[in-house]
Amino acid sequence: MAKPLAVTDADFQNEILNSDKPALVDFWAEWCGPCRMIAPSVAAIAEEYGEVLKVAKVDVDENPAVPGRYGIVGIPTLMLFKNGEVVERITGALPKERILAQILPHIETAKA
């Protein structure tokens, strides 16, 4: 069962930018209510699409460098990286279906 991977400033390059498959990154914080609201959706996406999509979480309080580099000013923010580039950005607590509608067009192999 796939679950979101905790990523830090130190391993972001290796885990996300150098990933061999698209990577959905959830920028969040423990104190953020909307972040907790979308956490089950992010976990479900990781479980359902883990074969074709890497799902990761970056705690913005513990890892300020990466959010700063990508101009994260509001959380939750989800960013989809493909071949090291941002191809989609979603800010706010959206339902799982809306998140999938924005990221699935960027995933080459659809879920069987």
PDB file of N, CA and C in Angstrom:
ATOM      1  N   MET A   1       0.854  -1.179   0.000  1.00  0.00           N
ATOM      2  CA  MET A   1       0.000   0.000   0.000  1.00  0.00           C
ATOM      3  C   MET A   1       0.898   1.239   0.000  1.00  0.00           C
ATOM      4  N   ALA A   2       0.767   2.045  -1.034  1.00  0.00           N
ATOM      5  CA  ALA A   2       1.566   3.270  -1.140  1.00  0.00           C
ATOM      6  C   ALA A   2       0.976   4.354  -0.252  1.00  0.00           C
ATOM      7  N   LYS A   3       1.852   5.129   0.345  1.00  0.00           N
ATOM      8  CA  LYS A   3       1.403   6.271   1.138  1.00  0.00           C
ATOM      9  C   LYS A   3       2.328   7.440   0.819  1.00  0.00           C
ATOM     10  N   PRO A   4       1.898   8.663   1.119  1.00  0.00           N
ATOM     11  CA  PRO A   4       2.752   9.812   0.822  1.00  0.00           C
ATOM     12  C   PRO A   4       4.103   9.711   1.523  1.00  0.00           C
ATOM     13  N   LEU A   5       5.126  10.091   0.800  1.00  0.00           N
ATOM     14  CA  LEU A   5       6.496  10.072   1.284  1.00  0.00           C
ATOM     15  C   LEU A   5       6.827  11.428   1.904  1.00  0.00           C
ATOM     16  N   ALA A   6       7.396  11.439   3.092  1.00  0.00           N
ATOM     17  CA  ALA A   6       7.830  12.694   3.709  1.00  0.00           C
ATOM     18  C   ALA A   6       9.139  13.123   3.052  1.00  0.00           C
ATOM     19  N   VAL A   7       9.141  14.321   2.471  1.00  0.00           N
ATOM     20  CA  VAL A   7      10.324  14.832   1.771  1.00  0.00           C
ATOM     21  C   VAL A   7      10.798  16.092   2.482  1.00  0.00           C
ATOM     22  N   THR A   8      12.109  16.274   2.530  1.00  0.00           N
ATOM     23  CA  THR A   8      12.714  17.421   3.202  1.00  0.00           C
ATOM     24  C   THR A   8      13.453  18.302   2.195  1.00  0.00           C
ATOM     25  N   ASP A   9      13.906  19.456   2.665  1.00  0.00           N
ATOM     26  CA  ASP A   9      14.737  20.313   1.825  1.00  0.00           C
ATOM     27  C   ASP A   9      15.945  19.532   1.301  1.00  0.00           C
ATOM     28  N   ALA A  10      16.514  18.681   2.158  1.00  0.00           N
ATOM     29  CA  ALA A  10      17.740  17.961   1.814  1.00  0.00           C
ATOM     30  C   ALA A  10      17.543  16.925   0.707  1.00  0.00           C
ATOM     31  N   ASP A  11      16.402  16.248   0.679  1.00  0.00           N
ATOM     32  CA  ASP A  11      16.225  15.184  -0.323  1.00  0.00           C
ATOM     33  C   ASP A  11      15.232  15.527  -1.430  1.00  0.00           C
ATOM     34  N   PHE A  12      14.756  16.777  -1.486  1.00  0.00           N
ATOM     35  CA  PHE A  12      13.786  17.182  -2.502  1.00  0.00           C
ATOM     36  C   PHE A  12      14.320  16.976  -3.921  1.00  0.00           C
ATOM     37  N   GLN A  13      15.551  17.387  -4.157  1.00  0.00           N
ATOM     38  CA  GLN A  13      16.155  17.245  -5.489  1.00  0.00           C
ATOM     39  C   GLN A  13      16.130  15.784  -5.932  1.00  0.00           C
ATOM     40  N   ASN A  14      16.610  14.897  -5.079  1.00  0.00           N
ATOM     41  CA  ASN A  14      16.700  13.483  -5.430  1.00  0.00           C
ATOM     42  C   ASN A  14      15.324  12.832  -5.538  1.00  0.00           C
ATOM     43  N   GLU A  15      14.452  13.084  -4.571  1.00  0.00           N
ATOM     44  CA  GLU A  15      13.161  12.394  -4.529  1.00  0.00           C
ATOM     45  C   GLU A  15      12.146  12.936  -5.534  1.00  0.00           C
ATOM     46  N   ILE A  16      12.136  14.248  -5.758  1.00  0.00           N
ATOM     47  CA  ILE A  16      11.095  14.867  -6.585  1.00  0.00           C
ATOM     48  C   ILE A  16      11.629  15.286  -7.956  1.00  0.00           C
ATOM     49  N   LEU A  17      12.635  16.137  -7.976  1.00  0.00           N
ATOM     50  CA  LEU A  17      13.115  16.660  -9.254  1.00  0.00           C
ATOM     51  C   LEU A  17      13.766  15.585 -10.113  1.00  0.00           C
ATOM     52  N   ASN A  18      14.382  14.588  -9.496  1.00  0.00           N
ATOM     53  CA  ASN A  18      15.023  13.504 -10.240  1.00  0.00           C
ATOM     54  C   ASN A  18      14.141  12.261 -10.332  1.00  0.00           C
ATOM     55  N   SER A  19      12.885  12.361  -9.944  1.00  0.00           N
ATOM     56  CA  SER A  19      11.983  11.208  -9.952  1.00  0.00           C
ATOM     57  C   SER A  19      11.758  10.713 -11.373  1.00  0.00           C
ATOM     58  N   ASP A  20      11.685   9.393 -11.515  1.00  0.00           N
ATOM     59  CA  ASP A  20      11.452   8.800 -12.841  1.00  0.00           C
ATOM     60  C   ASP A  20       9.973   8.778 -13.216  1.00  0.00           C
ATOM     61  N   LYS A  21       9.122   9.230 -12.316  1.00  0.00           N
ATOM     62  CA  LYS A  21       7.700   9.352 -12.637  1.00  0.00           C
ATOM     63  C   LYS A  21       7.186  10.683 -12.087  1.00  0.00           C
ATOM     64  N   PRO A  22       6.033  11.153 -12.566  1.00  0.00           N
ATOM     65  CA  PRO A  22       5.495  12.415 -12.043  1.00  0.00           C
ATOM     66  C   PRO A  22       5.378  12.363 -10.519  1.00  0.00           C
ATOM     67  N   ALA A  23       5.563  13.511  -9.891  1.00  0.00           N
ATOM     68  CA  ALA A  23       5.516  13.581  -8.424  1.00  0.00           C
ATOM     69  C   ALA A  23       4.560  14.692  -7.989  1.00  0.00           C
ATOM     70  N   LEU A  24       3.574  14.312  -7.173  1.00  0.00           N
ATOM     71  CA  LEU A  24       2.636  15.263  -6.585  1.00  0.00           C
ATOM     72  C   LEU A  24       3.140  15.597  -5.193  1.00  0.00           C
ATOM     73  N   VAL A  25       3.404  16.880  -4.942  1.00  0.00           N
ATOM     74  CA  VAL A  25       3.937  17.300  -3.642  1.00  0.00           C
ATOM     75  C   VAL A  25       2.899  18.146  -2.919  1.00  0.00           C
ATOM     76  N   ASP A  26       2.579  17.734  -1.696  1.00  0.00           N
ATOM     77  CA  ASP A  26       1.650  18.450  -0.824  1.00  0.00           C
ATOM     78  C   ASP A  26       2.483  19.287   0.149  1.00  0.00           C
ATOM     79  N   PHE A  27       2.433  20.618  -0.028  1.00  0.00           N
ATOM     80  CA  PHE A  27       3.098  21.532   0.906  1.00  0.00           C
ATOM     81  C   PHE A  27       2.094  21.839   2.007  1.00  0.00           C
ATOM     82  N   TRP A  28       2.425  21.502   3.243  1.00  0.00           N
ATOM     83  CA  TRP A  28       1.471  21.551   4.350  1.00  0.00           C
ATOM     84  C   TRP A  28       2.174  21.929   5.649  1.00  0.00           C
ATOM     85  N   ALA A  29       1.371  22.087   6.709  1.00  0.00           N
ATOM     86  CA  ALA A  29       1.887  22.289   8.068  1.00  0.00           C
ATOM     87  C   ALA A  29       0.907  21.655   9.050  1.00  0.00           C
ATOM     88  N   GLU A  30       1.423  21.224  10.169  1.00  0.00           N
ATOM     89  CA  GLU A  30       0.619  20.547  11.189  1.00  0.00           C
ATOM     90  C   GLU A  30      -0.541  21.409  11.686  1.00  0.00           C
ATOM     91  N   TRP A  31      -0.328  22.715  11.828  1.00  0.00           N
ATOM     92  CA  TRP A  31      -1.331  23.631  12.383  1.00  0.00           C
ATOM     93  C   TRP A  31      -2.402  24.028  11.369  1.00  0.00           C
ATOM     94  N   CYS A  32      -2.255  23.639  10.123  1.00  0.00           N
ATOM     95  CA  CYS A  32      -3.124  24.091   9.026  1.00  0.00           C
ATOM     96  C   CYS A  32      -4.371  23.209   8.908  1.00  0.00           C
ATOM     97  N   GLY A  33      -5.526  23.774   9.254  1.00  0.00           N
ATOM     98  CA  GLY A  33      -6.787  23.027   9.177  1.00  0.00           C
ATOM     99  C   GLY A  33      -7.109  22.525   7.779  1.00  0.00           C
ATOM    100  N   PRO A  34      -7.067  23.378   6.758  1.00  0.00           N
ATOM    101  CA  PRO A  34      -7.335  22.901   5.395  1.00  0.00           C
ATOM    102  C   PRO A  34      -6.353  21.816   4.943  1.00  0.00           C
ATOM    103  N   CYS A  35      -5.111  21.877   5.438  1.00  0.00           N
ATOM    104  CA  CYS A  35      -4.135  20.830   5.106  1.00  0.00           C
ATOM    105  C   CYS A  35      -4.604  19.476   5.640  1.00  0.00           C
ATOM    106  N   ARG A  36      -5.133  19.491   6.864  1.00  0.00           N
ATOM    107  CA  ARG A  36      -5.648  18.247   7.452  1.00  0.00           C
ATOM    108  C   ARG A  36      -6.889  17.770   6.702  1.00  0.00           C
ATOM    109  N   MET A  37      -7.657  18.730   6.151  1.00  0.00           N
ATOM    110  CA  MET A  37      -8.867  18.359   5.401  1.00  0.00           C
ATOM    111  C   MET A  37      -8.528  17.594   4.122  1.00  0.00           C
ATOM    112  N   ILE A  38      -7.453  17.980   3.429  1.00  0.00           N
ATOM    113  CA  ILE A  38      -7.131  17.295   2.175  1.00  0.00           C
ATOM    114  C   ILE A  38      -6.210  16.089   2.365  1.00  0.00           C
ATOM    115  N   ALA A  39      -5.662  15.909   3.554  1.00  0.00           N
ATOM    116  CA  ALA A  39      -4.729  14.799   3.793  1.00  0.00           C
ATOM    117  C   ALA A  39      -5.305  13.442   3.404  1.00  0.00           C
ATOM    118  N   PRO A  40      -6.577  13.132   3.736  1.00  0.00           N
ATOM    119  CA  PRO A  40      -7.113  11.826   3.308  1.00  0.00           C
ATOM    120  C   PRO A  40      -7.175  11.690   1.781  1.00  0.00           C
ATOM    121  N   SER A  41      -7.472  12.763   1.079  1.00  0.00           N
ATOM    122  CA  SER A  41      -7.503  12.719  -0.386  1.00  0.00           C
ATOM    123  C   SER A  41      -6.111  12.476  -0.951  1.00  0.00           C
ATOM    124  N   VAL A  42      -5.116  13.157  -0.391  1.00  0.00           N
ATOM    125  CA  VAL A  42      -3.741  12.978  -0.851  1.00  0.00           C
ATOM    126  C   VAL A  42      -3.293  11.539  -0.592  1.00  0.00           C
ATOM    127  N   ALA A  43      -3.640  11.001   0.571  1.00  0.00           N
ATOM    128  CA  ALA A  43      -3.286   9.620   0.890  1.00  0.00           C
ATOM    129  C   ALA A  43      -3.984   8.641  -0.055  1.00  0.00           C
ATOM    130  N   ALA A  44      -5.248   8.907  -0.384  1.00  0.00           N
ATOM    131  CA  ALA A  44      -5.989   8.033  -1.297  1.00  0.00           C
ATOM    132  C   ALA A  44      -5.382   8.076  -2.694  1.00  0.00           C
ATOM    133  N   ILE A  45      -4.966   9.255  -3.144  1.00  0.00           N
ATOM    134  CA  ILE A  45      -4.324   9.375  -4.460  1.00  0.00           C
ATOM    135  C   ILE A  45      -3.018   8.578  -4.471  1.00  0.00           C
ATOM    136  N   ALA A  46      -2.258   8.661  -3.381  1.00  0.00           N
ATOM    137  CA  ALA A  46      -1.009   7.893  -3.278  1.00  0.00           C
ATOM    138  C   ALA A  46      -1.288   6.400  -3.385  1.00  0.00           C
ATOM    139  N   GLU A  47      -2.332   5.948  -2.707  1.00  0.00           N
ATOM    140  CA  GLU A  47      -2.661   4.524  -2.716  1.00  0.00           C
ATOM    141  C   GLU A  47      -3.164   4.077  -4.090  1.00  0.00           C
ATOM    142  N   GLU A  48      -4.025   4.879  -4.710  1.00  0.00           N
ATOM    143  CA  GLU A  48      -4.644   4.487  -5.971  1.00  0.00           C
ATOM    144  C   GLU A  48      -3.726   4.640  -7.183  1.00  0.00           C
ATOM    145  N   TYR A  49      -2.833   5.633  -7.153  1.00  0.00           N
ATOM    146  CA  TYR A  49      -2.012   5.937  -8.323  1.00  0.00           C
ATOM    147  C   TYR A  49      -0.519   5.747  -8.070  1.00  0.00           C
ATOM    148  N   GLY A  50      -0.169   5.051  -6.988  1.00  0.00           N
ATOM    149  CA  GLY A  50       1.228   4.866  -6.605  1.00  0.00           C
ATOM    150  C   GLY A  50       2.114   4.235  -7.659  1.00  0.00           C
ATOM    151  N   GLU A  51       1.543   3.452  -8.549  1.00  0.00           N
ATOM    152  CA  GLU A  51       2.350   2.806  -9.592  1.00  0.00           C
ATOM    153  C   GLU A  51       2.839   3.803 -10.631  1.00  0.00           C
ATOM    154  N   VAL A  52       2.071   4.871 -10.871  1.00  0.00           N
ATOM    155  CA  VAL A  52       2.409   5.824 -11.940  1.00  0.00           C
ATOM    156  C   VAL A  52       2.690   7.235 -11.422  1.00  0.00           C
ATOM    157  N   LEU A  53       2.543   7.435 -10.109  1.00  0.00           N
ATOM    158  CA  LEU A  53       2.682   8.763  -9.524  1.00  0.00           C
ATOM    159  C   LEU A  53       3.332   8.662  -8.148  1.00  0.00           C
ATOM    160  N   LYS A  54       4.382   9.454  -7.932  1.00  0.00           N
ATOM    161  CA  LYS A  54       4.978   9.542  -6.594  1.00  0.00           C
ATOM    162  C   LYS A  54       4.230  10.645  -5.857  1.00  0.00           C
ATOM    163  N   VAL A  55       3.804  10.383  -4.634  1.00  0.00           N
ATOM    164  CA  VAL A  55       3.109  11.384  -3.833  1.00  0.00           C
ATOM    165  C   VAL A  55       3.956  11.663  -2.595  1.00  0.00           C
ATOM    166  N   ALA A  56       4.200  12.956  -2.361  1.00  0.00           N
ATOM    167  CA  ALA A  56       5.067  13.356  -1.250  1.00  0.00           C
ATOM    168  C   ALA A  56       4.461  14.521  -0.495  1.00  0.00           C
ATOM    169  N   LYS A  57       4.929  14.697   0.745  1.00  0.00           N
ATOM    170  CA  LYS A  57       4.493  15.808   1.584  1.00  0.00           C
ATOM    171  C   LYS A  57       5.732  16.544   2.087  1.00  0.00           C
ATOM    172  N   VAL A  58       5.662  17.882   2.043  1.00  0.00           N
ATOM    173  CA  VAL A  58       6.746  18.712   2.568  1.00  0.00           C
ATOM    174  C   VAL A  58       6.151  19.598   3.656  1.00  0.00           C
ATOM    175  N   ASP A  59       6.630  19.429   4.886  1.00  0.00           N
ATOM    176  CA  ASP A  59       6.206  20.271   6.003  1.00  0.00           C
ATOM    177  C   ASP A  59       6.917  21.622   5.858  1.00  0.00           C
ATOM    178  N   VAL A  60       6.139  22.673   5.580  1.00  0.00           N
ATOM    179  CA  VAL A  60       6.729  23.990   5.287  1.00  0.00           C
ATOM    180  C   VAL A  60       7.409  24.619   6.506  1.00  0.00           C
ATOM    181  N   ASP A  61       7.004  24.233   7.707  1.00  0.00           N
ATOM    182  CA  ASP A  61       7.641  24.778   8.913  1.00  0.00           C
ATOM    183  C   ASP A  61       9.029  24.172   9.123  1.00  0.00           C
ATOM    184  N   GLU A  62       9.160  22.882   8.871  1.00  0.00           N
ATOM    185  CA  GLU A  62      10.426  22.193   9.082  1.00  0.00           C
ATOM    186  C   GLU A  62      11.363  22.312   7.885  1.00  0.00           C
ATOM    187  N   ASN A  63      10.811  22.639   6.718  1.00  0.00           N
ATOM    188  CA  ASN A  63      11.591  22.683   5.480  1.00  0.00           C
ATOM    189  C   ASN A  63      11.248  23.955   4.694  1.00  0.00           C
ATOM    190  N   PRO A  64      11.777  25.113   5.097  1.00  0.00           N
ATOM    191  CA  PRO A  64      11.387  26.370   4.454  1.00  0.00           C
ATOM    192  C   PRO A  64      12.053  26.656   3.104  1.00  0.00           C
ATOM    193  N   ALA A  65      13.153  26.005   2.781  1.00  0.00           N
ATOM    194  CA  ALA A  65      13.891  26.337   1.560  1.00  0.00           C
ATOM    195  C   ALA A  65      13.105  26.015   0.290  1.00  0.00           C
ATOM    196  N   VAL A  66      12.584  24.797   0.200  1.00  0.00           N
ATOM    197  CA  VAL A  66      11.867  24.393  -1.020  1.00  0.00           C
ATOM    198  C   VAL A  66      10.598  25.224  -1.223  1.00  0.00           C
ATOM    199  N   PRO A  67       9.737  25.403  -0.208  1.00  0.00           N
ATOM    200  CA  PRO A  67       8.565  26.255  -0.418  1.00  0.00           C
ATOM    201  C   PRO A  67       8.960  27.678  -0.835  1.00  0.00           C
ATOM    202  N   GLY A  68      10.040  28.192  -0.280  1.00  0.00           N
ATOM    203  CA  GLY A  68      10.515  29.518  -0.652  1.00  0.00           C
ATOM    204  C   GLY A  68      10.946  29.572  -2.109  1.00  0.00           C
ATOM    205  N   ARG A  69      11.610  28.525  -2.561  1.00  0.00           N
ATOM    206  CA  ARG A  69      12.086  28.457  -3.943  1.00  0.00           C
ATOM    207  C   ARG A  69      10.927  28.469  -4.939  1.00  0.00           C
ATOM    208  N   TYR A  70       9.801  27.867  -4.552  1.00  0.00           N
ATOM    209  CA  TYR A  70       8.655  27.765  -5.454  1.00  0.00           C
ATOM    210  C   TYR A  70       7.551  28.783  -5.159  1.00  0.00           C
ATOM    211  N   GLY A  71       7.841  29.741  -4.287  1.00  0.00           N
ATOM    212  CA  GLY A  71       6.899  30.818  -4.028  1.00  0.00           C
ATOM    213  C   GLY A  71       5.616  30.382  -3.346  1.00  0.00           C
ATOM    214  N   ILE A  72       5.717  29.405  -2.464  1.00  0.00           N
ATOM    215  CA  ILE A  72       4.545  28.941  -1.728  1.00  0.00           C
ATOM    216  C   ILE A  72       4.212  29.988  -0.668  1.00  0.00           C
ATOM    217  N   VAL A  73       3.065  30.640  -0.798  1.00  0.00           N
ATOM    218  CA  VAL A  73       2.658  31.647   0.180  1.00  0.00           C
ATOM    219  C   VAL A  73       1.398  31.234   0.922  1.00  0.00           C
ATOM    220  N   GLY A  74       0.667  30.272   0.393  1.00  0.00           N
ATOM    221  CA  GLY A  74      -0.532  29.770   1.056  1.00  0.00           C
ATOM    222  C   GLY A  74      -0.520  28.258   1.043  1.00  0.00           C
ATOM    223  N   ILE A  75      -0.989  27.677   2.116  1.00  0.00           N
ATOM    224  CA  ILE A  75      -1.077  26.220   2.177  1.00  0.00           C
ATOM    225  C   ILE A  75      -2.503  25.831   2.527  1.00  0.00           C
ATOM    226  N   PRO A  76      -2.954  24.680   2.097  1.00  0.00           N
ATOM    227  CA  PRO A  76      -2.191  23.694   1.345  1.00  0.00           C
ATOM    228  C   PRO A  76      -1.990  24.112  -0.108  1.00  0.00           C
ATOM    229  N   THR A  77      -0.816  23.790  -0.625  1.00  0.00           N
ATOM    230  CA  THR A  77      -0.535  23.931  -2.049  1.00  0.00           C
ATOM    231  C   THR A  77      -0.027  22.588  -2.535  1.00  0.00           C
ATOM    232  N   LEU A  78      -0.623  22.105  -3.604  1.00  0.00           N
ATOM    233  CA  LEU A  78      -0.174  20.874  -4.250  1.00  0.00           C
ATOM    234  C   LEU A  78       0.516  21.276  -5.542  1.00  0.00           C
ATOM    235  N   MET A  79       1.681  20.686  -5.798  1.00  0.00           N
ATOM    236  CA  MET A  79       2.388  20.944  -7.043  1.00  0.00           C
ATOM    237  C   MET A  79       2.726  19.615  -7.687  1.00  0.00           C
ATOM    238  N   LEU A  80       2.468  19.528  -8.989  1.00  0.00           N
ATOM    239  CA  LEU A  80       2.808  18.329  -9.743  1.00  0.00           C
ATOM    240  C   LEU A  80       4.071  18.607 -10.545  1.00  0.00           C
ATOM    241  N   PHE A  81       5.079  17.785 -10.299  1.00  0.00           N
ATOM    242  CA  PHE A  81       6.360  17.903 -10.997  1.00  0.00           C
ATOM    243  C   PHE A  81       6.475  16.762 -11.998  1.00  0.00           C
ATOM    244  N   LYS A  82       6.941  17.096 -13.190  1.00  0.00           N
ATOM    245  CA  LYS A  82       7.164  16.091 -14.217  1.00  0.00           C
ATOM    246  C   LYS A  82       8.490  16.429 -14.883  1.00  0.00           C
ATOM    247  N   ASN A  83       9.406  15.476 -14.881  1.00  0.00           N
ATOM    248  CA  ASN A  83      10.753  15.697 -15.425  1.00  0.00           C
ATOM    249  C   ASN A  83      11.417  16.914 -14.783  1.00  0.00           C
ATOM    250  N   GLY A  84      11.210  17.095 -13.479  1.00  0.00           N
ATOM    251  CA  GLY A  84      11.851  18.165 -12.731  1.00  0.00           C
ATOM    252  C   GLY A  84      11.211  19.533 -12.875  1.00  0.00           C
ATOM    253  N   GLU A  85      10.109  19.628 -13.626  1.00  0.00           N
ATOM    254  CA  GLU A  85       9.439  20.909 -13.856  1.00  0.00           C
ATOM    255  C   GLU A  85       8.039  20.897 -13.258  1.00  0.00           C
ATOM    256  N   VAL A  86       7.578  22.061 -12.780  1.00  0.00           N
ATOM    257  CA  VAL A  86       6.214  22.185 -12.271  1.00  0.00           C
ATOM    258  C   VAL A  86       5.263  22.220 -13.474  1.00  0.00           C
ATOM    259  N   VAL A  87       4.304  21.294 -13.494  1.00  0.00           N
ATOM    260  CA  VAL A  87       3.333  21.282 -14.591  1.00  0.00           C
ATOM    261  C   VAL A  87       1.917  21.606 -14.112  1.00  0.00           C
ATOM    262  N   GLU A  88       1.701  21.597 -12.813  1.00  0.00           N
ATOM    263  CA  GLU A  88       0.384  21.922 -12.264  1.00  0.00           C
ATOM    264  C   GLU A  88       0.564  22.426 -10.850  1.00  0.00           C
ATOM    265  N   ARG A  89      -0.278  23.405 -10.467  1.00  0.00           N
ATOM    266  CA  ARG A  89      -0.232  23.980  -9.116  1.00  0.00           C
ATOM    267  C   ARG A  89      -1.665  24.157  -8.645  1.00  0.00           C
ATOM    268  N   ILE A  90      -1.968  23.629  -7.463  1.00  0.00           N
ATOM    269  CA  ILE A  90      -3.313  23.694  -6.898  1.00  0.00           C
ATOM    270  C   ILE A  90      -3.185  24.270  -5.492  1.00  0.00           C
ATOM    271  N   THR A  91      -3.876  25.371  -5.227  1.00  0.00           N
ATOM    272  CA  THR A  91      -3.824  25.967  -3.896  1.00  0.00           C
ATOM    273  C   THR A  91      -5.207  25.903  -3.268  1.00  0.00           C
ATOM    274  N   GLY A  92      -5.250  25.487  -2.004  1.00  0.00           N
ATOM    275  CA  GLY A  92      -6.514  25.405  -1.280  1.00  0.00           C
ATOM    276  C   GLY A  92      -6.978  23.967  -1.115  1.00  0.00           C
ATOM    277  N   ALA A  93      -7.983  23.813  -0.280  1.00  0.00           N
ATOM    278  CA  ALA A  93      -8.522  22.489   0.028  1.00  0.00           C
ATOM    279  C   ALA A  93      -9.601  22.135  -0.990  1.00  0.00           C
ATOM    280  N   LEU A  94      -9.214  21.394  -2.006  1.00  0.00           N
ATOM    281  CA  LEU A  94     -10.158  20.954  -3.028  1.00  0.00           C
ATOM    282  C   LEU A  94     -10.499  19.490  -2.814  1.00  0.00           C
ATOM    283  N   PRO A  95     -11.685  19.063  -3.271  1.00  0.00           N
ATOM    284  CA  PRO A  95     -12.026  17.647  -3.168  1.00  0.00           C
ATOM    285  C   PRO A  95     -11.123  16.803  -4.070  1.00  0.00           C
ATOM    286  N   LYS A  96     -10.999  15.542  -3.716  1.00  0.00           N
ATOM    287  CA  LYS A  96     -10.134  14.610  -4.441  1.00  0.00           C
ATOM    288  C   LYS A  96     -10.424  14.622  -5.943  1.00  0.00           C
ATOM    289  N   GLU A  97     -11.682  14.655  -6.327  1.00  0.00           N
ATOM    290  CA  GLU A  97     -12.047  14.613  -7.747  1.00  0.00           C
ATOM    291  C   GLU A  97     -11.490  15.828  -8.495  1.00  0.00           C
ATOM    292  N   ARG A  98     -11.505  16.993  -7.876  1.00  0.00           N
ATOM    293  CA  ARG A  98     -10.976  18.210  -8.520  1.00  0.00           C
ATOM    294  C   ARG A  98      -9.454  18.136  -8.632  1.00  0.00           C
ATOM    295  N   ILE A  99      -8.821  17.572  -7.614  1.00  0.00           N
ATOM    296  CA  ILE A  99      -7.365  17.398  -7.662  1.00  0.00           C
ATOM    297  C   ILE A  99      -7.010  16.457  -8.813  1.00  0.00           C
ATOM    298  N   LEU A 100      -7.700  15.326  -8.873  1.00  0.00           N
ATOM    299  CA  LEU A 100      -7.428  14.352  -9.931  1.00  0.00           C
ATOM    300  C   LEU A 100      -7.682  14.943 -11.311  1.00  0.00           C
ATOM    301  N   ALA A 101      -8.725  15.748 -11.448  1.00  0.00           N
ATOM    302  CA  ALA A 101      -9.043  16.350 -12.747  1.00  0.00           C
ATOM    303  C   ALA A 101      -7.885  17.212 -13.250  1.00  0.00           C
ATOM    304  N   GLN A 102      -7.140  17.806 -12.337  1.00  0.00           N
ATOM    305  CA  GLN A 102      -6.029  18.665 -12.728  1.00  0.00           C
ATOM    306  C   GLN A 102      -4.729  17.903 -12.945  1.00  0.00           C
ATOM    307  N   ILE A 103      -4.543  16.782 -12.244  1.00  0.00           N
ATOM    308  CA  ILE A 103      -3.256  16.085 -12.367  1.00  0.00           C
ATOM    309  C   ILE A 103      -3.270  14.923 -13.351  1.00  0.00           C
ATOM    310  N   LEU A 104      -4.409  14.259 -13.517  1.00  0.00           N
ATOM    311  CA  LEU A 104      -4.427  13.075 -14.378  1.00  0.00           C
ATOM    312  C   LEU A 104      -4.030  13.349 -15.830  1.00  0.00           C
ATOM    313  N   PRO A 105      -4.365  14.500 -16.414  1.00  0.00           N
ATOM    314  CA  PRO A 105      -3.914  14.732 -17.798  1.00  0.00           C
ATOM    315  C   PRO A 105      -2.391  14.716 -17.962  1.00  0.00           C
ATOM    316  N   HIS A 106      -1.651  14.898 -16.871  1.00  0.00           N
ATOM    317  CA  HIS A 106      -0.190  14.934 -16.933  1.00  0.00           C
ATOM    318  C   HIS A 106       0.441  13.564 -16.681  1.00  0.00           C
ATOM    319  N   ILE A 107      -0.382  12.592 -16.329  1.00  0.00           N
ATOM    320  CA  ILE A 107       0.134  11.259 -16.032  1.00  0.00           C
ATOM    321  C   ILE A 107      -0.059  10.394 -17.275  1.00  0.00           C
ATOM    322  N   GLU A 108       1.050   9.898 -17.821  1.00  0.00           N
ATOM    323  CA  GLU A 108       1.009   9.201 -19.097  1.00  0.00           C
ATOM    324  C   GLU A 108       0.261   7.870 -19.036  1.00  0.00           C
ATOM    325  N   THR A 109       0.453   7.118 -17.988  1.00  0.00           N
ATOM    326  CA  THR A 109      -0.209   5.814 -17.895  1.00  0.00           C
ATOM    327  C   THR A 109      -1.399   5.937 -16.955  1.00  0.00           C
ATOM    328  N   ALA A 110      -2.575   5.845 -17.501  1.00  0.00           N
ATOM    329  CA  ALA A 110      -3.777   5.943 -16.674  1.00  0.00           C
ATOM    330  C   ALA A 110      -3.907   4.702 -15.807  1.00  0.00           C
ATOM    331  N   LYS A 111      -4.586   4.875 -14.684  1.00  0.00           N
ATOM    332  CA  LYS A 111      -4.816   3.752 -13.775  1.00  0.00           C
ATOM    333  C   LYS A 111      -5.655   2.709 -14.478  1.00  0.00           C
ATOM    334  N   ALA A 112      -5.264   1.471 -14.369  1.00  0.00           N
ATOM    335  CA  ALA A 112      -5.989   0.384 -15.037  1.00  0.00           C
ATOM    336  C   ALA A 112      -7.321   0.110 -14.378  1.00  0.00           C
TER     337      ALA A 112
END
